[in-house]
Amino acid sequence: MHTARSIFQKVDTMDPHALDEVIAEDARMVFGNTEPLVGRAAIAAGAGAFLSTFKGLRHRILNEWSVGADTIVETEVTYTRLDGKEVSLPAVSIWRVRDDGLIVDYRVFFDVAPIYAP
């Protein structure tokens, strides 16, 4: 089982392929209110597009709950914008793993508007 800390350490590297080894080939991922990304390649491409819009990010775990195959994590995510300003936002991530431990469903709920606000 992957811990929230290990997942977010991967995400914070800003490598769009950082989650490849923990996500199932046919996984589904949804960022906020965007259309679902289905499959490891689509998830990496979508993550890469999003990550290219800022300089950095770091997750601070506030709360974490695991029930069976599901993990829910409340975080504060600090984004370093392209202009160098930092913006911290609340987010909730939810993922489900299958029997082999790979993530098959990953959802992130957050409002990205402040990252791009003037």
PDB file of N, CA and C in Angstrom:
ATOM      1  N   MET A   1       0.850  -1.182   0.000  1.00  0.00           N
ATOM      2  CA  MET A   1       0.000   0.000   0.000  1.00  0.00           C
ATOM      3  C   MET A   1       0.890   1.239   0.000  1.00  0.00           C
ATOM      4  N   HIS A   2       0.526   2.188  -0.797  1.00  0.00           N
ATOM      5  CA  HIS A   2       1.296   3.420  -0.900  1.00  0.00           C
ATOM      6  C   HIS A   2       0.782   4.427   0.119  1.00  0.00           C
ATOM      7  N   THR A   3       1.684   5.041   0.836  1.00  0.00           N
ATOM      8  CA  THR A   3       1.271   6.037   1.809  1.00  0.00           C
ATOM      9  C   THR A   3       1.025   7.360   1.102  1.00  0.00           C
ATOM     10  N   ALA A   4       0.216   8.195   1.714  1.00  0.00           N
ATOM     11  CA  ALA A   4      -0.032   9.523   1.153  1.00  0.00           C
ATOM     12  C   ALA A   4       1.289  10.273   1.010  1.00  0.00           C
ATOM     13  N   ARG A   5       2.131  10.143   2.008  1.00  0.00           N
ATOM     14  CA  ARG A   5       3.420  10.839   1.948  1.00  0.00           C
ATOM     15  C   ARG A   5       4.222  10.411   0.722  1.00  0.00           C
ATOM     16  N   SER A   6       4.269   9.108   0.439  1.00  0.00           N
ATOM     17  CA  SER A   6       5.050   8.640  -0.711  1.00  0.00           C
ATOM     18  C   SER A   6       4.431   9.101  -2.027  1.00  0.00           C
ATOM     19  N   ILE A   7       3.099   9.126  -2.096  1.00  0.00           N
ATOM     20  CA  ILE A   7       2.433   9.599  -3.320  1.00  0.00           C
ATOM     21  C   ILE A   7       2.752  11.074  -3.553  1.00  0.00           C
ATOM     22  N   PHE A   8       2.601  11.898  -2.523  1.00  0.00           N
ATOM     23  CA  PHE A   8       2.822  13.335  -2.705  1.00  0.00           C
ATOM     24  C   PHE A   8       4.296  13.675  -2.908  1.00  0.00           C
ATOM     25  N   GLN A   9       5.207  12.887  -2.360  1.00  0.00           N
ATOM     26  CA  GLN A   9       6.632  13.101  -2.655  1.00  0.00           C
ATOM     27  C   GLN A   9       6.880  12.910  -4.143  1.00  0.00           C
ATOM     28  N   LYS A  10       6.224  11.934  -4.742  1.00  0.00           N
ATOM     29  CA  LYS A  10       6.359  11.716  -6.189  1.00  0.00           C
ATOM     30  C   LYS A  10       5.775  12.892  -6.959  1.00  0.00           C
ATOM     31  N   VAL A  11       4.556  13.300  -6.598  1.00  0.00           N
ATOM     32  CA  VAL A  11       3.892  14.409  -7.288  1.00  0.00           C
ATOM     33  C   VAL A  11       4.742  15.675  -7.199  1.00  0.00           C
ATOM     34  N   ASP A  12       5.300  15.938  -6.038  1.00  0.00           N
ATOM     35  CA  ASP A  12       6.066  17.174  -5.821  1.00  0.00           C
ATOM     36  C   ASP A  12       7.366  17.238  -6.621  1.00  0.00           C
ATOM     37  N   THR A  13       7.785  16.129  -7.223  1.00  0.00           N
ATOM     38  CA  THR A  13       8.977  16.178  -8.091  1.00  0.00           C
ATOM     39  C   THR A  13       8.680  16.894  -9.399  1.00  0.00           C
ATOM     40  N   MET A  14       7.389  17.057  -9.708  1.00  0.00           N
ATOM     41  CA  MET A  14       6.931  17.681 -10.954  1.00  0.00           C
ATOM     42  C   MET A  14       7.296  16.868 -12.195  1.00  0.00           C
ATOM     43  N   ASP A  15       7.553  15.600 -12.006  1.00  0.00           N
ATOM     44  CA  ASP A  15       7.779  14.684 -13.125  1.00  0.00           C
ATOM     45  C   ASP A  15       6.422  14.086 -13.488  1.00  0.00           C
ATOM     46  N   PRO A  16       5.920  14.338 -14.702  1.00  0.00           N
ATOM     47  CA  PRO A  16       4.598  13.823 -15.062  1.00  0.00           C
ATOM     48  C   PRO A  16       4.514  12.294 -15.055  1.00  0.00           C
ATOM     49  N   HIS A  17       5.655  11.634 -15.062  1.00  0.00           N
ATOM     50  CA  HIS A  17       5.674  10.169 -15.032  1.00  0.00           C
ATOM     51  C   HIS A  17       5.984   9.615 -13.636  1.00  0.00           C
ATOM     52  N   ALA A  18       6.033  10.481 -12.628  1.00  0.00           N
ATOM     53  CA  ALA A  18       6.404  10.054 -11.280  1.00  0.00           C
ATOM     54  C   ALA A  18       5.454   9.014 -10.709  1.00  0.00           C
ATOM     55  N   LEU A  19       4.195   9.045 -11.125  1.00  0.00           N
ATOM     56  CA  LEU A  19       3.220   8.096 -10.593  1.00  0.00           C
ATOM     57  C   LEU A  19       3.069   6.843 -11.443  1.00  0.00           C
ATOM     58  N   ASP A  20       3.795   6.759 -12.544  1.00  0.00           N
ATOM     59  CA  ASP A  20       3.641   5.616 -13.453  1.00  0.00           C
ATOM     60  C   ASP A  20       3.745   4.272 -12.736  1.00  0.00           C
ATOM     61  N   GLU A  21       4.656   4.143 -11.811  1.00  0.00           N
ATOM     62  CA  GLU A  21       4.868   2.847 -11.157  1.00  0.00           C
ATOM     63  C   GLU A  21       3.800   2.502 -10.124  1.00  0.00           C
ATOM     64  N   VAL A  22       2.961   3.464  -9.756  1.00  0.00           N
ATOM     65  CA  VAL A  22       1.935   3.189  -8.749  1.00  0.00           C
ATOM     66  C   VAL A  22       0.513   3.274  -9.305  1.00  0.00           C
ATOM     67  N   ILE A  23       0.392   3.649 -10.586  1.00  0.00           N
ATOM     68  CA  ILE A  23      -0.917   3.765 -11.220  1.00  0.00           C
ATOM     69  C   ILE A  23      -1.104   2.626 -12.215  1.00  0.00           C
ATOM     70  N   ALA A  24      -2.266   2.005 -12.169  1.00  0.00           N
ATOM     71  CA  ALA A  24      -2.586   0.922 -13.103  1.00  0.00           C
ATOM     72  C   ALA A  24      -2.618   1.454 -14.538  1.00  0.00           C
ATOM     73  N   GLU A  25      -2.317   0.602 -15.484  1.00  0.00           N
ATOM     74  CA  GLU A  25      -2.313   0.981 -16.901  1.00  0.00           C
ATOM     75  C   GLU A  25      -3.659   1.555 -17.335  1.00  0.00           C
ATOM     76  N   ASP A  26      -4.749   1.050 -16.762  1.00  0.00           N
ATOM     77  CA  ASP A  26      -6.083   1.506 -17.156  1.00  0.00           C
ATOM     78  C   ASP A  26      -6.721   2.432 -16.110  1.00  0.00           C
ATOM     79  N   ALA A  27      -5.911   3.075 -15.294  1.00  0.00           N
ATOM     80  CA  ALA A  27      -6.409   3.945 -14.226  1.00  0.00           C
ATOM     81  C   ALA A  27      -7.192   5.125 -14.792  1.00  0.00           C
ATOM     82  N   ARG A  28      -8.003   5.695 -13.919  1.00  0.00           N
ATOM     83  CA  ARG A  28      -8.799   6.884 -14.254  1.00  0.00           C
ATOM     84  C   ARG A  28      -8.409   7.969 -13.262  1.00  0.00           C
ATOM     85  N   MET A  29      -8.158   9.195 -13.763  1.00  0.00           N
ATOM     86  CA  MET A  29      -7.799  10.318 -12.897  1.00  0.00           C
ATOM     87  C   MET A  29      -8.617  11.537 -13.294  1.00  0.00           C
ATOM     88  N   VAL A  30      -9.089  12.266 -12.276  1.00  0.00           N
ATOM     89  CA  VAL A  30      -9.843  13.491 -12.513  1.00  0.00           C
ATOM     90  C   VAL A  30      -9.221  14.594 -11.661  1.00  0.00           C
ATOM     91  N   PHE A  31      -8.844  15.704 -12.307  1.00  0.00           N
ATOM     92  CA  PHE A  31      -8.336  16.896 -11.620  1.00  0.00           C
ATOM     93  C   PHE A  31      -9.465  17.913 -11.570  1.00  0.00           C
ATOM     94  N   GLY A  32      -9.926  18.252 -10.368  1.00  0.00           N
ATOM     95  CA  GLY A  32     -10.957  19.277 -10.234  1.00  0.00           C
ATOM     96  C   GLY A  32     -12.171  18.974 -11.091  1.00  0.00           C
ATOM     97  N   ASN A  33     -12.553  19.940 -11.919  1.00  0.00           N
ATOM     98  CA  ASN A  33     -13.744  19.764 -12.743  1.00  0.00           C
ATOM     99  C   ASN A  33     -13.400  19.439 -14.203  1.00  0.00           C
ATOM    100  N   THR A  34     -12.206  18.913 -14.447  1.00  0.00           N
ATOM    101  CA  THR A  34     -11.814  18.565 -15.807  1.00  0.00           C
ATOM    102  C   THR A  34     -12.363  17.198 -16.197  1.00  0.00           C
ATOM    103  N   GLU A  35     -12.299  16.897 -17.464  1.00  0.00           N
ATOM    104  CA  GLU A  35     -12.717  15.587 -17.954  1.00  0.00           C
ATOM    105  C   GLU A  35     -11.770  14.515 -17.418  1.00  0.00           C
ATOM    106  N   PRO A  36     -12.271  13.324 -17.173  1.00  0.00           N
ATOM    107  CA  PRO A  36     -11.408  12.241 -16.689  1.00  0.00           C
ATOM    108  C   PRO A  36     -10.295  11.903 -17.687  1.00  0.00           C
ATOM    109  N   LEU A  37      -9.140  11.581 -17.154  1.00  0.00           N
ATOM    110  CA  LEU A  37      -8.022  11.072 -17.940  1.00  0.00           C
ATOM    111  C   LEU A  37      -8.013   9.568 -17.705  1.00  0.00           C
ATOM    112  N   VAL A  38      -7.987   8.795 -18.787  1.00  0.00           N
ATOM    113  CA  VAL A  38      -8.054   7.347 -18.650  1.00  0.00           C
ATOM    114  C   VAL A  38      -6.816   6.723 -19.272  1.00  0.00           C
ATOM    115  N   GLY A  39      -6.095   5.963 -18.469  1.00  0.00           N
ATOM    116  CA  GLY A  39      -4.883   5.293 -18.909  1.00  0.00           C
ATOM    117  C   GLY A  39      -3.644   6.028 -18.450  1.00  0.00           C
ATOM    118  N   ARG A  40      -2.604   5.267 -18.201  1.00  0.00           N
ATOM    119  CA  ARG A  40      -1.347   5.815 -17.674  1.00  0.00           C
ATOM    120  C   ARG A  40      -0.782   6.909 -18.589  1.00  0.00           C
ATOM    121  N   ALA A  41      -0.806   6.697 -19.901  1.00  0.00           N
ATOM    122  CA  ALA A  41      -0.252   7.687 -20.840  1.00  0.00           C
ATOM    123  C   ALA A  41      -1.058   8.982 -20.796  1.00  0.00           C
ATOM    124  N   ALA A  42      -2.380   8.884 -20.781  1.00  0.00           N
ATOM    125  CA  ALA A  42      -3.225  10.080 -20.739  1.00  0.00           C
ATOM    126  C   ALA A  42      -3.034  10.825 -19.420  1.00  0.00           C
ATOM    127  N   ILE A  43      -2.878  10.088 -18.324  1.00  0.00           N
ATOM    128  CA  ILE A  43      -2.666  10.717 -17.016  1.00  0.00           C
ATOM    129  C   ILE A  43      -1.338  11.465 -17.006  1.00  0.00           C
ATOM    130  N   ALA A  44      -0.289  10.861 -17.521  1.00  0.00           N
ATOM    131  CA  ALA A  44       1.022  11.529 -17.568  1.00  0.00           C
ATOM    132  C   ALA A  44       0.963  12.763 -18.467  1.00  0.00           C
ATOM    133  N   ALA A  45       0.271  12.664 -19.603  1.00  0.00           N
ATOM    134  CA  ALA A  45       0.161  13.813 -20.512  1.00  0.00           C
ATOM    135  C   ALA A  45      -0.618  14.949 -19.852  1.00  0.00           C
ATOM    136  N   GLY A  46      -1.725  14.621 -19.191  1.00  0.00           N
ATOM    137  CA  GLY A  46      -2.515  15.641 -18.505  1.00  0.00           C
ATOM    138  C   GLY A  46      -1.754  16.271 -17.357  1.00  0.00           C
ATOM    139  N   ALA A  47      -1.059  15.443 -16.596  1.00  0.00           N
ATOM    140  CA  ALA A  47      -0.248  15.965 -15.488  1.00  0.00           C
ATOM    141  C   ALA A  47       0.846  16.876 -16.026  1.00  0.00           C
ATOM    142  N   GLY A  48       1.490  16.468 -17.114  1.00  0.00           N
ATOM    143  CA  GLY A  48       2.549  17.284 -17.706  1.00  0.00           C
ATOM    144  C   GLY A  48       2.038  18.634 -18.151  1.00  0.00           C
ATOM    145  N   ALA A  49       0.871  18.659 -18.772  1.00  0.00           N
ATOM    146  CA  ALA A  49       0.285  19.931 -19.226  1.00  0.00           C
ATOM    147  C   ALA A  49       0.011  20.843 -18.031  1.00  0.00           C
ATOM    148  N   PHE A  50      -0.562  20.282 -16.962  1.00  0.00           N
ATOM    149  CA  PHE A  50      -0.856  21.077 -15.771  1.00  0.00           C
ATOM    150  C   PHE A  50       0.430  21.552 -15.100  1.00  0.00           C
ATOM    151  N   LEU A  51       1.383  20.657 -14.918  1.00  0.00           N
ATOM    152  CA  LEU A  51       2.633  21.004 -14.234  1.00  0.00           C
ATOM    153  C   LEU A  51       3.437  22.065 -14.977  1.00  0.00           C
ATOM    154  N   SER A  52       3.264  22.169 -16.275  1.00  0.00           N
ATOM    155  CA  SER A  52       4.020  23.159 -17.055  1.00  0.00           C
ATOM    156  C   SER A  52       3.525  24.580 -16.826  1.00  0.00           C
ATOM    157  N   THR A  53       2.420  24.740 -16.093  1.00  0.00           N
ATOM    158  CA  THR A  53       1.846  26.079 -15.906  1.00  0.00           C
ATOM    159  C   THR A  53       2.313  26.768 -14.630  1.00  0.00           C
ATOM    160  N   PHE A  54       3.212  26.136 -13.884  1.00  0.00           N
ATOM    161  CA  PHE A  54       3.796  26.759 -12.694  1.00  0.00           C
ATOM    162  C   PHE A  54       5.185  26.174 -12.472  1.00  0.00           C
ATOM    163  N   LYS A  55       5.952  26.811 -11.553  1.00  0.00           N
ATOM    164  CA  LYS A  55       7.351  26.415 -11.333  1.00  0.00           C
ATOM    165  C   LYS A  55       7.536  25.272 -10.346  1.00  0.00           C
ATOM    166  N   GLY A  56       6.645  25.152  -9.376  1.00  0.00           N
ATOM    167  CA  GLY A  56       6.831  24.134  -8.353  1.00  0.00           C
ATOM    168  C   GLY A  56       5.599  23.966  -7.497  1.00  0.00           C
ATOM    169  N   LEU A  57       5.595  22.890  -6.721  1.00  0.00           N
ATOM    170  CA  LEU A  57       4.518  22.667  -5.769  1.00  0.00           C
ATOM    171  C   LEU A  57       5.015  21.780  -4.644  1.00  0.00           C
ATOM    172  N   ARG A  58       4.327  21.902  -3.507  1.00  0.00           N
ATOM    173  CA  ARG A  58       4.626  21.021  -2.378  1.00  0.00           C
ATOM    174  C   ARG A  58       3.341  20.813  -1.583  1.00  0.00           C
ATOM    175  N   HIS A  59       3.147  19.583  -1.169  1.00  0.00           N
ATOM    176  CA  HIS A  59       1.963  19.190  -0.429  1.00  0.00           C
ATOM    177  C   HIS A  59       2.275  19.106   1.059  1.00  0.00           C
ATOM    178  N   ARG A  60       1.374  19.612   1.873  1.00  0.00           N
ATOM    179  CA  ARG A  60       1.436  19.434   3.319  1.00  0.00           C
ATOM    180  C   ARG A  60       0.183  18.675   3.719  1.00  0.00           C
ATOM    181  N   ILE A  61       0.370  17.493   4.266  1.00  0.00           N
ATOM    182  CA  ILE A  61      -0.760  16.645   4.645  1.00  0.00           C
ATOM    183  C   ILE A  61      -1.353  17.154   5.953  1.00  0.00           C
ATOM    184  N   LEU A  62      -2.659  17.429   5.916  1.00  0.00           N
ATOM    185  CA  LEU A  62      -3.362  17.893   7.106  1.00  0.00           C
ATOM    186  C   LEU A  62      -4.109  16.756   7.784  1.00  0.00           C
ATOM    187  N   ASN A  63      -4.756  15.917   6.993  1.00  0.00           N
ATOM    188  CA  ASN A  63      -5.505  14.770   7.510  1.00  0.00           C
ATOM    189  C   ASN A  63      -5.460  13.656   6.488  1.00  0.00           C
ATOM    190  N   GLU A  64      -5.519  12.431   6.971  1.00  0.00           N
ATOM    191  CA  GLU A  64      -5.497  11.273   6.079  1.00  0.00           C
ATOM    192  C   GLU A  64      -6.381  10.187   6.675  1.00  0.00           C
ATOM    193  N   TRP A  65      -7.226   9.600   5.814  1.00  0.00           N
ATOM    194  CA  TRP A  65      -8.089   8.512   6.225  1.00  0.00           C
ATOM    195  C   TRP A  65      -7.957   7.385   5.212  1.00  0.00           C
ATOM    196  N   SER A  66      -7.828   6.173   5.689  1.00  0.00           N
ATOM    197  CA  SER A  66      -7.801   4.997   4.818  1.00  0.00           C
ATOM    198  C   SER A  66      -8.856   4.019   5.302  1.00  0.00           C
ATOM    199  N   VAL A  67      -9.688   3.588   4.370  1.00  0.00           N
ATOM    200  CA  VAL A  67     -10.738   2.620   4.669  1.00  0.00           C
ATOM    201  C   VAL A  67     -10.719   1.589   3.550  1.00  0.00           C
ATOM    202  N   GLY A  68     -10.290   0.391   3.877  1.00  0.00           N
ATOM    203  CA  GLY A  68     -10.200  -0.641   2.849  1.00  0.00           C
ATOM    204  C   GLY A  68      -9.250  -0.209   1.742  1.00  0.00           C
ATOM    205  N   ALA A  69      -9.755  -0.195   0.525  1.00  0.00           N
ATOM    206  CA  ALA A  69      -8.939   0.142  -0.644  1.00  0.00           C
ATOM    207  C   ALA A  69      -8.890   1.637  -0.929  1.00  0.00           C
ATOM    208  N   ASP A  70      -9.596   2.432  -0.123  1.00  0.00           N
ATOM    209  CA  ASP A  70      -9.716   3.872  -0.381  1.00  0.00           C
ATOM    210  C   ASP A  70      -8.891   4.704   0.595  1.00  0.00           C
ATOM    211  N   THR A  71      -8.265   5.749   0.043  1.00  0.00           N
ATOM    212  CA  THR A  71      -7.522   6.712   0.856  1.00  0.00           C
ATOM    213  C   THR A  71      -8.043   8.097   0.525  1.00  0.00           C
ATOM    214  N   ILE A  72      -8.273   8.903   1.561  1.00  0.00           N
ATOM    215  CA  ILE A  72      -8.722  10.286   1.412  1.00  0.00           C
ATOM    216  C   ILE A  72      -7.708  11.143   2.155  1.00  0.00           C
ATOM    217  N   VAL A  73      -7.200  12.178   1.471  1.00  0.00           N
ATOM    218  CA  VAL A  73      -6.173  13.013   2.082  1.00  0.00           C
ATOM    219  C   VAL A  73      -6.522  14.493   1.892  1.00  0.00           C
ATOM    220  N   GLU A  74      -6.561  15.207   3.011  1.00  0.00           N
ATOM    221  CA  GLU A  74      -6.740  16.659   2.990  1.00  0.00           C
ATOM    222  C   GLU A  74      -5.356  17.283   3.032  1.00  0.00           C
ATOM    223  N   THR A  75      -5.086  18.176   2.088  1.00  0.00           N
ATOM    224  CA  THR A  75      -3.768  18.799   2.016  1.00  0.00           C
ATOM    225  C   THR A  75      -3.873  20.311   1.864  1.00  0.00           C
ATOM    226  N   GLU A  76      -2.761  20.942   2.140  1.00  0.00           N
ATOM    227  CA  GLU A  76      -2.532  22.327   1.739  1.00  0.00           C
ATOM    228  C   GLU A  76      -1.422  22.233   0.703  1.00  0.00           C
ATOM    229  N   VAL A  77      -1.694  22.727  -0.489  1.00  0.00           N
ATOM    230  CA  VAL A  77      -0.718  22.638  -1.570  1.00  0.00           C
ATOM    231  C   VAL A  77      -0.218  24.037  -1.874  1.00  0.00           C
ATOM    232  N   THR A  78       1.088  24.200  -1.821  1.00  0.00           N
ATOM    233  CA  THR A  78       1.689  25.492  -2.131  1.00  0.00           C
ATOM    234  C   THR A  78       2.291  25.405  -3.527  1.00  0.00           C
ATOM    235  N   TYR A  79       1.802  26.274  -4.391  1.00  0.00           N
ATOM    236  CA  TYR A  79       2.265  26.355  -5.777  1.00  0.00           C
ATOM    237  C   TYR A  79       3.188  27.547  -5.920  1.00  0.00           C
ATOM    238  N   THR A  80       4.288  27.374  -6.619  1.00  0.00           N
ATOM    239  CA  THR A  80       5.143  28.500  -6.991  1.00  0.00           C
ATOM    240  C   THR A  80       4.779  28.835  -8.431  1.00  0.00           C
ATOM    241  N   ARG A  81       4.189  29.993  -8.599  1.00  0.00           N
ATOM    242  CA  ARG A  81       3.726  30.411  -9.917  1.00  0.00           C
ATOM    243  C   ARG A  81       4.908  30.764 -10.816  1.00  0.00           C
ATOM    244  N   LEU A  82       4.628  30.931 -12.093  1.00  0.00           N
ATOM    245  CA  LEU A  82       5.685  31.295 -13.043  1.00  0.00           C
ATOM    246  C   LEU A  82       6.296  32.652 -12.727  1.00  0.00           C
ATOM    247  N   ASP A  83       5.536  33.549 -12.059  1.00  0.00           N
ATOM    248  CA  ASP A  83       6.062  34.865 -11.688  1.00  0.00           C
ATOM    249  C   ASP A  83       6.810  34.825 -10.353  1.00  0.00           C
ATOM    250  N   GLY A  84       6.935  33.622  -9.757  1.00  0.00           N
ATOM    251  CA  GLY A  84       7.663  33.464  -8.505  1.00  0.00           C
ATOM    252  C   GLY A  84       6.808  33.571  -7.253  1.00  0.00           C
ATOM    253  N   LYS A  85       5.585  34.085  -7.366  1.00  0.00           N
ATOM    254  CA  LYS A  85       4.700  34.179  -6.211  1.00  0.00           C
ATOM    255  C   LYS A  85       4.279  32.792  -5.766  1.00  0.00           C
ATOM    256  N   GLU A  86       4.055  32.640  -4.458  1.00  0.00           N
ATOM    257  CA  GLU A  86       3.551  31.385  -3.926  1.00  0.00           C
ATOM    258  C   GLU A  86       2.084  31.537  -3.549  1.00  0.00           C
ATOM    259  N   VAL A  87       1.305  30.516  -3.847  1.00  0.00           N
ATOM    260  CA  VAL A  87      -0.113  30.481  -3.531  1.00  0.00           C
ATOM    261  C   VAL A  87      -0.395  29.137  -2.859  1.00  0.00           C
ATOM    262  N   SER A  88      -1.004  29.180  -1.674  1.00  0.00           N
ATOM    263  CA  SER A  88      -1.353  27.942  -0.976  1.00  0.00           C
ATOM    264  C   SER A  88      -2.857  27.726  -1.056  1.00  0.00           C
ATOM    265  N   LEU A  89      -3.232  26.496  -1.410  1.00  0.00           N
ATOM    266  CA  LEU A  89      -4.634  26.172  -1.623  1.00  0.00           C
ATOM    267  C   LEU A  89      -5.012  24.882  -0.895  1.00  0.00           C
ATOM    268  N   PRO A  90      -6.256  24.794  -0.441  1.00  0.00           N
ATOM    269  CA  PRO A  90      -6.720  23.526   0.126  1.00  0.00           C
ATOM    270  C   PRO A  90      -7.047  22.553  -1.009  1.00  0.00           C
ATOM    271  N   ALA A  91      -6.828  21.285  -0.765  1.00  0.00           N
ATOM    272  CA  ALA A  91      -7.166  20.246  -1.743  1.00  0.00           C
ATOM    273  C   ALA A  91      -7.505  18.959  -1.014  1.00  0.00           C
ATOM    274  N   VAL A  92      -8.306  18.154  -1.672  1.00  0.00           N
ATOM    275  CA  VAL A  92      -8.606  16.809  -1.171  1.00  0.00           C
ATOM    276  C   VAL A  92      -8.320  15.844  -2.307  1.00  0.00           C
ATOM    277  N   SER A  93      -7.566  14.808  -2.014  1.00  0.00           N
ATOM    278  CA  SER A  93      -7.267  13.756  -2.980  1.00  0.00           C
ATOM    279  C   SER A  93      -7.868  12.453  -2.471  1.00  0.00           C
ATOM    280  N   ILE A  94      -8.438  11.708  -3.386  1.00  0.00           N
ATOM    281  CA  ILE A  94      -9.036  10.418  -3.059  1.00  0.00           C
ATOM    282  C   ILE A  94      -8.523   9.406  -4.070  1.00  0.00           C
ATOM    283  N   TRP A  95      -8.019   8.285  -3.581  1.00  0.00           N
ATOM    284  CA  TRP A  95      -7.629   7.244  -4.523  1.00  0.00           C
ATOM    285  C   TRP A  95      -8.045   5.877  -4.014  1.00  0.00           C
ATOM    286  N   ARG A  96      -8.231   4.983  -4.978  1.00  0.00           N
ATOM    287  CA  ARG A  96      -8.590   3.591  -4.690  1.00  0.00           C
ATOM    288  C   ARG A  96      -7.543   2.695  -5.324  1.00  0.00           C
ATOM    289  N   VAL A  97      -7.123   1.693  -4.579  1.00  0.00           N
ATOM    290  CA  VAL A  97      -6.155   0.724  -5.102  1.00  0.00           C
ATOM    291  C   VAL A  97      -6.856  -0.607  -5.321  1.00  0.00           C
ATOM    292  N   ARG A  98      -6.344  -1.357  -6.267  1.00  0.00           N
ATOM    293  CA  ARG A  98      -6.870  -2.710  -6.479  1.00  0.00           C
ATOM    294  C   ARG A  98      -6.020  -3.691  -5.676  1.00  0.00           C
ATOM    295  N   ASP A  99      -6.304  -4.968  -5.789  1.00  0.00           N
ATOM    296  CA  ASP A  99      -5.645  -5.983  -4.962  1.00  0.00           C
ATOM    297  C   ASP A  99      -4.121  -5.992  -5.089  1.00  0.00           C
ATOM    298  N   ASP A 100      -3.590  -5.628  -6.261  1.00  0.00           N
ATOM    299  CA  ASP A 100      -2.137  -5.627  -6.432  1.00  0.00           C
ATOM    300  C   ASP A 100      -1.475  -4.348  -5.933  1.00  0.00           C
ATOM    301  N   GLY A 101      -2.274  -3.422  -5.355  1.00  0.00           N
ATOM    302  CA  GLY A 101      -1.733  -2.194  -4.789  1.00  0.00           C
ATOM    303  C   GLY A 101      -1.647  -1.032  -5.748  1.00  0.00           C
ATOM    304  N   LEU A 102      -1.956  -1.244  -7.025  1.00  0.00           N
ATOM    305  CA  LEU A 102      -1.901  -0.149  -7.994  1.00  0.00           C
ATOM    306  C   LEU A 102      -3.165   0.708  -7.892  1.00  0.00           C
ATOM    307  N   ILE A 103      -2.986   2.006  -8.062  1.00  0.00           N
ATOM    308  CA  ILE A 103      -4.107   2.947  -8.015  1.00  0.00           C
ATOM    309  C   ILE A 103      -4.919   2.815  -9.302  1.00  0.00           C
ATOM    310  N   VAL A 104      -6.240   2.641  -9.143  1.00  0.00           N
ATOM    311  CA  VAL A 104      -7.114   2.522 -10.313  1.00  0.00           C
ATOM    312  C   VAL A 104      -8.030   3.721 -10.481  1.00  0.00           C
ATOM    313  N   ASP A 105      -8.206   4.492  -9.432  1.00  0.00           N
ATOM    314  CA  ASP A 105      -9.065   5.678  -9.486  1.00  0.00           C
ATOM    315  C   ASP A 105      -8.431   6.736  -8.597  1.00  0.00           C
ATOM    316  N   TYR A 106      -8.185   7.918  -9.157  1.00  0.00           N
ATOM    317  CA  TYR A 106      -7.521   8.993  -8.412  1.00  0.00           C
ATOM    318  C   TYR A 106      -8.260  10.281  -8.741  1.00  0.00           C
ATOM    319  N   ARG A 107      -8.730  10.958  -7.703  1.00  0.00           N
ATOM    320  CA  ARG A 107      -9.464  12.205  -7.897  1.00  0.00           C
ATOM    321  C   ARG A 107      -8.867  13.295  -7.019  1.00  0.00           C
ATOM    322  N   VAL A 108      -8.751  14.482  -7.584  1.00  0.00           N
ATOM    323  CA  VAL A 108      -8.220  15.632  -6.845  1.00  0.00           C
ATOM    324  C   VAL A 108      -9.259  16.742  -6.922  1.00  0.00           C
ATOM    325  N   PHE A 109      -9.678  17.228  -5.754  1.00  0.00           N
ATOM    326  CA  PHE A 109     -10.678  18.279  -5.683  1.00  0.00           C
ATOM    327  C   PHE A 109     -10.014  19.557  -5.179  1.00  0.00           C
ATOM    328  N   PHE A 110      -9.993  20.584  -6.026  1.00  0.00           N
ATOM    329  CA  PHE A 110      -9.383  21.857  -5.670  1.00  0.00           C
ATOM    330  C   PHE A 110      -9.808  22.920  -6.676  1.00  0.00           C
ATOM    331  N   ASP A 111      -9.607  24.168  -6.321  1.00  0.00           N
ATOM    332  CA  ASP A 111      -9.910  25.299  -7.203  1.00  0.00           C
ATOM    333  C   ASP A 111      -8.578  25.879  -7.664  1.00  0.00           C
ATOM    334  N   VAL A 112      -8.260  25.705  -8.948  1.00  0.00           N
ATOM    335  CA  VAL A 112      -6.973  26.165  -9.467  1.00  0.00           C
ATOM    336  C   VAL A 112      -6.939  27.658  -9.794  1.00  0.00           C
ATOM    337  N   ALA A 113      -8.080  28.338  -9.788  1.00  0.00           N
ATOM    338  CA  ALA A 113      -8.130  29.744 -10.209  1.00  0.00           C
ATOM    339  C   ALA A 113      -7.069  30.626  -9.513  1.00  0.00           C
ATOM    340  N   PRO A 114      -6.857  30.494  -8.196  1.00  0.00           N
ATOM    341  CA  PRO A 114      -5.861  31.368  -7.557  1.00  0.00           C
ATOM    342  C   PRO A 114      -4.431  31.183  -8.091  1.00  0.00           C
ATOM    343  N   ILE A 115      -4.132  30.030  -8.656  1.00  0.00           N
ATOM    344  CA  ILE A 115      -2.789  29.829  -9.196  1.00  0.00           C
ATOM    345  C   ILE A 115      -2.521  30.795 -10.361  1.00  0.00           C
ATOM    346  N   TYR A 116      -3.580  31.103 -11.101  1.00  0.00           N
ATOM    347  CA  TYR A 116      -3.435  31.903 -12.324  1.00  0.00           C
ATOM    348  C   TYR A 116      -3.953  33.326 -12.179  1.00  0.00           C
ATOM    349  N   ALA A 117      -4.455  33.692 -10.998  1.00  0.00           N
ATOM    350  CA  ALA A 117      -4.986  35.028 -10.786  1.00  0.00           C
ATOM    351  C   ALA A 117      -3.878  36.073 -10.858  1.00  0.00           C
ATOM    352  N   PRO A 118      -4.191  37.260 -11.367  1.00  0.00           N
ATOM    353  CA  PRO A 118      -3.144  38.315 -11.441  1.00  0.00           C
ATOM    354  C   PRO A 118      -2.665  38.755 -10.073  1.00  0.00           C
TER     355      PRO A 118
END
